[in-house]
Amino acid sequence: MANKIRDCIAPDRNPRRPNLKLPVGSVDTHVHVFDFKYPFSPARGYNPPEATLSQLSHMHDVIGVDRVVFTQPSVYGTDNTAMMDSVAVLNEANKDCARAIISCSPDITDSELEEFNLAGVQGLRFNMDNAGGMSVTLDDLPRLADRIRPLGWHMEFLFAGEEFIDLLPIFKSLSTPISIAHFAYQNAVAGVEAPGFQALLTLVREGNTWIKISGANRVSATGMPPFDDVKPLAEALIEANSSCLVWGTDWPHPNIFDENPNDGDLVDALGDWVSDKKILQKLLVDNPAHFYKF
């Protein structure tokens, strides 16, 4: 009998206004949309909750986010339609307020890449951690990197934390910048001195790798606020290279089956990690504006 695809839980539908007031122009660099009018891939590993553009916009209005980067979720495979339709709606209403990271097959054409570029795409996503999220082989990556480099794009990765050190040679060989979400899934309990996290710090210092300090609930021991065990990881990354860090909510927190944090709590966790307003400005406004070309 085939394994049943599990239903993951919904985000907190009542986001609270955080105590931290985000600076004008703040960017949420990691969100997804799941609109049930768009068909899901049969190869998916989970059934997502409804998470529409209007629900996302409400959450952003409450927490104080002005701009957004959509990331293609694994449940849609290489069909980027749901995400790109949301990008188009937002950019029509407020010019250049939305960007996207797509998933593609290795035989995507140059004309298709250019069309995505004009629509606001800034990179390719490779999700090795969720079924349906990896549409290419590792051997395809160098050629794809060379093809997207003239567009100024990057490659974004998600993978199991224990795979990081083995993947390092591949990451260092690519001709484009790379982005890694959710603290590279380095376990907060293992601490800053863990070999994987130390390797991550080295990669960040070299300046070609951007880290999303997102998904605190995914790397914390408890999965819920206040994420005290994640704070040392964030502080170490900031000390290593604050110019290569961005932040995201990971809304609607897919592939979670027990409990989700309130997005207002995630903003306040960031405020706990970063007390310097100049650093907050970098992480929330300046760095993503540069990296995603807002």
Protein backbone atom coordinates (compact mmCIF):
# COMPACT_ATOMS: atom_id res chain seq x y z
CA MET A 1 0.00 0.00 0.00
CA ALA A 2 1.32 3.42 -0.90
CA ASN A 3 2.13 5.77 1.96
CA LYS A 4 -0.67 8.22 2.68
CA ILE A 5 0.26 11.85 2.14
CA ARG A 6 -0.07 13.62 5.48
CA ASP A 7 -2.00 16.83 6.06
CA CYS A 8 0.14 19.48 7.72
CA ILE A 9 -1.38 22.04 10.05
CA ALA A 10 -2.37 25.60 9.19
CA PRO A 11 -0.50 28.71 10.30
CA ASP A 12 -1.83 30.72 13.22
CA ARG A 13 -4.72 32.54 11.54
CA ASN A 14 -4.53 35.39 14.06
CA PRO A 15 -1.10 36.97 13.70
CA ARG A 16 -0.39 39.39 16.52
CA ARG A 17 1.28 42.76 16.18
CA PRO A 18 4.86 42.30 17.40
CA ASN A 19 6.54 44.45 20.00
CA LEU A 20 9.36 45.10 17.52
CA LYS A 21 8.47 47.72 14.94
CA LEU A 22 10.06 46.73 11.65
CA PRO A 23 11.83 49.42 9.61
CA VAL A 24 10.14 50.82 6.52
CA GLY A 25 10.88 48.68 3.48
CA SER A 26 11.31 45.44 5.44
CA VAL A 27 11.38 42.27 3.35
CA ASP A 28 10.10 38.82 4.26
CA THR A 29 12.41 36.66 2.13
CA HIS A 30 10.79 33.26 2.58
CA VAL A 31 7.07 32.64 2.08
CA HIS A 32 4.87 30.27 0.12
CA VAL A 33 1.30 30.37 -1.18
CA PHE A 34 -1.00 27.35 -1.35
CA ASP A 35 -4.17 28.13 -3.25
CA PHE A 36 -6.35 25.07 -3.79
CA LYS A 37 -7.42 26.22 -7.25
CA TYR A 38 -3.93 25.26 -8.47
CA PRO A 39 -3.28 21.50 -8.71
CA PHE A 40 -0.62 19.96 -6.50
CA SER A 41 2.03 17.56 -7.72
CA PRO A 42 1.27 13.86 -7.18
CA ALA A 43 4.91 13.49 -6.12
CA ARG A 44 4.45 15.81 -3.12
CA GLY A 45 5.39 14.73 0.37
CA TYR A 46 2.65 16.55 2.29
CA ASN A 47 -0.71 18.21 1.84
CA PRO A 48 -0.39 21.91 2.65
CA PRO A 49 -2.93 24.09 4.41
CA GLU A 50 -4.80 26.75 2.50
CA ALA A 51 -2.51 29.77 2.42
CA THR A 52 -3.74 32.36 -0.06
CA LEU A 53 -2.25 35.65 -1.14
CA SER A 54 -4.90 37.59 0.78
CA GLN A 55 -4.07 35.67 3.96
CA LEU A 56 -0.37 36.33 3.45
CA SER A 57 -0.99 40.03 2.85
CA HIS A 58 -3.03 40.25 6.05
CA MET A 59 -0.21 38.68 8.05
CA HIS A 60 2.31 41.08 6.52
CA ASP A 61 0.10 44.06 7.27
CA VAL A 62 -0.08 43.03 10.93
CA ILE A 63 3.63 42.40 11.47
CA GLY A 64 4.82 45.35 9.37
CA VAL A 65 6.39 43.81 6.25
CA ASP A 66 6.42 45.86 3.03
CA ARG A 67 8.06 43.57 0.46
CA VAL A 68 8.24 39.83 -0.09
CA VAL A 69 10.19 37.02 -1.73
CA PHE A 70 8.17 33.94 -2.67
CA THR A 71 9.92 30.58 -2.69
CA GLN A 72 8.56 27.72 -4.80
CA PRO A 73 7.21 24.98 -2.52
CA SER A 74 7.82 21.31 -3.27
CA VAL A 75 4.11 20.47 -3.52
CA TYR A 76 3.86 22.30 -6.86
CA GLY A 77 6.98 20.67 -8.35
CA THR A 78 8.19 22.76 -11.30
CA ASP A 79 4.79 24.36 -11.92
CA ASN A 80 5.44 27.88 -10.65
CA THR A 81 2.04 29.25 -11.71
CA ALA A 82 0.48 29.75 -8.27
CA MET A 83 3.51 31.62 -7.00
CA MET A 84 4.05 33.73 -10.11
CA ASP A 85 0.39 34.72 -10.24
CA SER A 86 0.77 36.08 -6.69
CA VAL A 87 3.95 37.94 -7.67
CA ALA A 88 2.12 39.51 -10.61
CA VAL A 89 -0.81 40.65 -8.45
CA LEU A 90 1.45 42.30 -5.89
CA ASN A 91 3.73 43.96 -8.43
CA GLU A 92 0.73 45.28 -10.32
CA ALA A 93 -0.58 46.90 -7.15
CA ASN A 94 2.81 48.12 -5.88
CA LYS A 95 5.61 48.15 -8.44
CA ASP A 96 8.54 45.85 -7.67
CA CYS A 97 7.42 44.84 -4.18
CA ALA A 98 7.60 41.09 -4.88
CA ARG A 99 10.28 38.68 -6.08
CA ALA A 100 10.37 34.90 -6.53
CA ILE A 101 12.65 31.88 -6.54
CA ILE A 102 11.45 29.21 -8.96
CA SER A 103 11.94 25.49 -9.40
CA CYS A 104 12.69 24.19 -12.89
CA SER A 105 13.73 21.18 -14.90
CA PRO A 106 17.29 21.03 -16.27
CA ASP A 107 16.01 21.57 -19.82
CA ILE A 108 14.35 24.93 -19.15
CA THR A 109 14.97 27.16 -22.16
CA ASP A 110 16.84 30.46 -22.21
CA SER A 111 13.69 32.22 -23.36
CA GLU A 112 11.77 30.79 -20.39
CA LEU A 113 14.50 31.97 -18.03
CA GLU A 114 14.34 35.46 -19.53
CA GLU A 115 10.55 35.53 -19.20
CA PHE A 116 10.82 34.61 -15.53
CA ASN A 117 13.51 37.25 -15.07
CA LEU A 118 11.24 39.96 -16.43
CA ALA A 119 8.49 38.78 -14.07
CA GLY A 120 10.64 39.26 -10.98
CA VAL A 121 12.42 35.95 -10.51
CA GLN A 122 15.87 36.12 -8.92
CA GLY A 123 16.96 32.51 -8.55
CA LEU A 124 16.41 28.76 -8.70
CA ARG A 125 15.39 26.65 -5.74
CA PHE A 126 16.62 23.14 -5.01
CA ASN A 127 14.74 21.44 -2.19
CA MET A 128 16.44 18.20 -1.25
CA ASP A 129 14.51 17.90 2.01
CA ASN A 130 10.93 17.44 0.75
CA ALA A 131 9.50 14.95 -1.73
CA GLY A 132 8.94 16.57 -5.11
CA GLY A 133 11.28 19.48 -4.42
CA MET A 134 14.39 18.36 -6.30
CA SER A 135 13.75 18.44 -10.05
CA VAL A 136 17.39 18.12 -11.12
CA THR A 137 20.42 16.04 -10.18
CA LEU A 138 23.47 17.37 -8.40
CA ASP A 139 25.36 16.92 -11.66
CA ASP A 140 22.98 19.40 -13.34
CA LEU A 141 23.82 22.22 -10.92
CA PRO A 142 27.07 23.58 -12.44
CA ARG A 143 25.57 23.94 -15.91
CA LEU A 144 22.42 25.59 -14.56
CA ALA A 145 24.57 27.96 -12.50
CA ASP A 146 26.49 28.99 -15.61
CA ARG A 147 23.22 29.58 -17.48
CA ILE A 148 21.64 31.83 -14.84
CA ARG A 149 24.78 33.75 -13.99
CA PRO A 150 24.27 36.35 -16.78
CA LEU A 151 20.85 37.10 -15.29
CA GLY A 152 22.38 37.93 -11.91
CA TRP A 153 20.44 35.10 -10.25
CA HIS A 154 21.46 32.83 -7.39
CA MET A 155 20.76 29.25 -6.31
CA GLU A 156 18.77 28.55 -3.16
CA PHE A 157 19.10 25.27 -1.28
CA LEU A 158 17.23 23.35 1.38
CA PHE A 159 18.59 20.07 2.72
CA ALA A 160 18.83 17.97 5.85
CA GLY A 161 21.32 19.57 8.23
CA GLU A 162 23.53 16.51 8.49
CA GLU A 163 24.13 16.61 4.72
CA PHE A 164 25.69 20.08 4.80
CA ILE A 165 29.37 19.16 5.08
CA ASP A 166 29.10 16.63 2.25
CA LEU A 167 27.47 19.27 0.04
CA LEU A 168 30.13 21.92 0.70
CA PRO A 169 32.36 21.03 -2.30
CA ILE A 170 29.36 21.41 -4.63
CA PHE A 171 28.36 24.76 -3.16
CA LYS A 172 31.91 26.11 -3.46
CA SER A 173 32.18 24.99 -7.09
CA LEU A 174 29.14 26.91 -8.36
CA SER A 175 29.60 30.05 -10.44
CA THR A 176 26.67 31.89 -8.83
CA PRO A 177 26.00 33.07 -5.28
CA ILE A 178 24.02 30.62 -3.18
CA SER A 179 21.34 31.04 -0.53
CA ILE A 180 20.54 28.58 2.25
CA ALA A 181 17.32 28.74 4.22
CA HIS A 182 16.50 28.02 7.87
CA PHE A 183 19.98 28.27 9.41
CA ALA A 184 21.01 25.48 7.01
CA TYR A 185 19.00 23.20 9.32
CA GLN A 186 21.79 23.17 11.85
CA ASN A 187 20.43 21.85 15.13
CA ALA A 188 20.37 24.62 17.74
CA VAL A 189 20.97 22.15 20.57
CA ALA A 190 24.29 21.15 18.98
CA GLY A 191 25.41 24.74 19.42
CA VAL A 192 27.76 27.11 17.68
CA GLU A 193 30.79 24.84 18.07
CA ALA A 194 29.24 21.95 16.16
CA PRO A 195 31.28 21.01 13.05
CA GLY A 196 28.38 21.70 10.67
CA PHE A 197 27.73 25.14 12.07
CA GLN A 198 31.42 26.02 12.10
CA ALA A 199 31.59 25.04 8.42
CA LEU A 200 28.57 27.26 7.78
CA LEU A 201 30.29 30.22 9.44
CA THR A 202 33.35 29.69 7.24
CA LEU A 203 31.18 29.65 4.12
CA VAL A 204 29.40 32.85 5.17
CA ARG A 205 32.68 34.65 5.86
CA GLU A 206 33.80 33.91 2.30
CA GLY A 207 30.96 36.15 1.09
CA ASN A 208 29.34 34.10 -1.69
CA THR A 209 26.76 32.43 0.55
CA TRP A 210 23.65 34.11 1.93
CA ILE A 211 21.82 32.65 4.91
CA LYS A 212 18.17 33.09 5.76
CA ILE A 213 17.81 33.33 9.53
CA SER A 214 14.36 31.84 9.12
CA GLY A 215 12.65 28.71 10.39
CA ALA A 216 13.74 29.11 14.01
CA ASN A 217 10.96 26.69 14.97
CA ARG A 218 12.54 24.08 12.70
CA VAL A 219 15.97 24.12 14.36
CA SER A 220 14.98 24.88 17.97
CA ALA A 221 14.64 22.06 20.49
CA THR A 222 11.11 23.14 21.44
CA GLY A 223 9.80 24.34 18.09
CA MET A 224 8.07 27.25 19.79
CA PRO A 225 9.05 30.65 21.24
CA PRO A 226 11.13 32.12 22.73
CA PHE A 227 13.80 30.24 20.68
CA ASP A 228 16.53 30.97 23.22
CA ASP A 229 18.64 28.12 21.85
CA VAL A 230 18.62 29.67 18.37
CA LYS A 231 19.90 33.05 19.56
CA PRO A 232 23.60 31.99 19.72
CA LEU A 233 23.39 30.75 16.11
CA ALA A 234 21.95 34.06 14.92
CA GLU A 235 24.53 36.06 16.86
CA ALA A 236 27.42 33.99 15.49
CA LEU A 237 26.20 34.43 11.90
CA ILE A 238 25.85 38.17 12.39
CA GLU A 239 29.37 38.37 13.77
CA ALA A 240 30.69 36.27 10.86
CA ASN A 241 29.19 38.43 8.10
CA SER A 242 26.08 40.52 8.67
CA SER A 243 26.13 41.62 5.02
CA CYS A 244 25.12 38.14 3.83
CA LEU A 245 22.11 37.56 6.07
CA VAL A 246 18.39 38.04 5.42
CA TRP A 247 15.27 37.15 7.39
CA GLY A 248 11.99 35.42 6.62
CA THR A 249 8.88 34.11 8.34
CA ASP A 250 8.61 30.84 6.40
CA TRP A 251 4.83 31.44 6.33
CA PRO A 252 2.65 29.36 6.34
CA HIS A 253 5.23 27.03 7.94
CA PRO A 254 4.53 23.98 5.75
CA ASN A 255 5.37 20.38 6.56
CA ILE A 256 4.69 20.96 10.27
CA PHE A 257 2.24 18.59 11.95
CA ASP A 258 2.01 19.56 15.62
CA GLU A 259 2.24 23.28 16.45
CA ASN A 260 3.11 26.50 14.61
CA PRO A 261 4.42 29.74 16.09
CA ASN A 262 2.57 33.01 15.71
CA ASP A 263 4.35 35.15 13.13
CA GLY A 264 4.40 38.06 15.56
CA ASP A 265 6.47 35.87 17.88
CA LEU A 266 8.96 35.26 15.07
CA VAL A 267 9.43 39.01 14.63
CA ASP A 268 10.01 39.45 18.35
CA ALA A 269 12.52 36.58 18.33
CA LEU A 270 14.46 38.54 15.70
CA GLY A 271 14.30 41.56 17.99
CA ASP A 272 15.75 39.44 20.78
CA TRP A 273 18.60 38.28 18.56
CA VAL A 274 19.41 41.73 17.16
CA SER A 275 19.30 44.82 19.36
CA ASP A 276 21.34 47.08 17.05
CA LYS A 277 18.97 49.05 14.80
CA LYS A 278 21.64 49.43 12.12
CA ILE A 279 22.01 45.64 11.90
CA LEU A 280 18.23 45.23 11.77
CA GLN A 281 18.14 47.70 8.90
CA LYS A 282 20.75 45.62 7.07
CA LEU A 283 19.03 42.28 7.61
CA LEU A 284 15.51 43.46 6.86
CA VAL A 285 15.96 46.17 4.23
CA ASP A 286 19.43 46.77 2.80
CA ASN A 287 20.66 43.20 2.33
CA PRO A 288 17.49 41.84 0.68
CA ALA A 289 17.18 44.97 -1.47
CA HIS A 290 20.67 44.23 -2.82
CA PHE A 291 20.38 40.45 -3.10
CA TYR A 292 16.90 40.34 -4.66
CA LYS A 293 17.25 43.60 -6.61
CA PHE A 294 14.32 45.51 -5.16
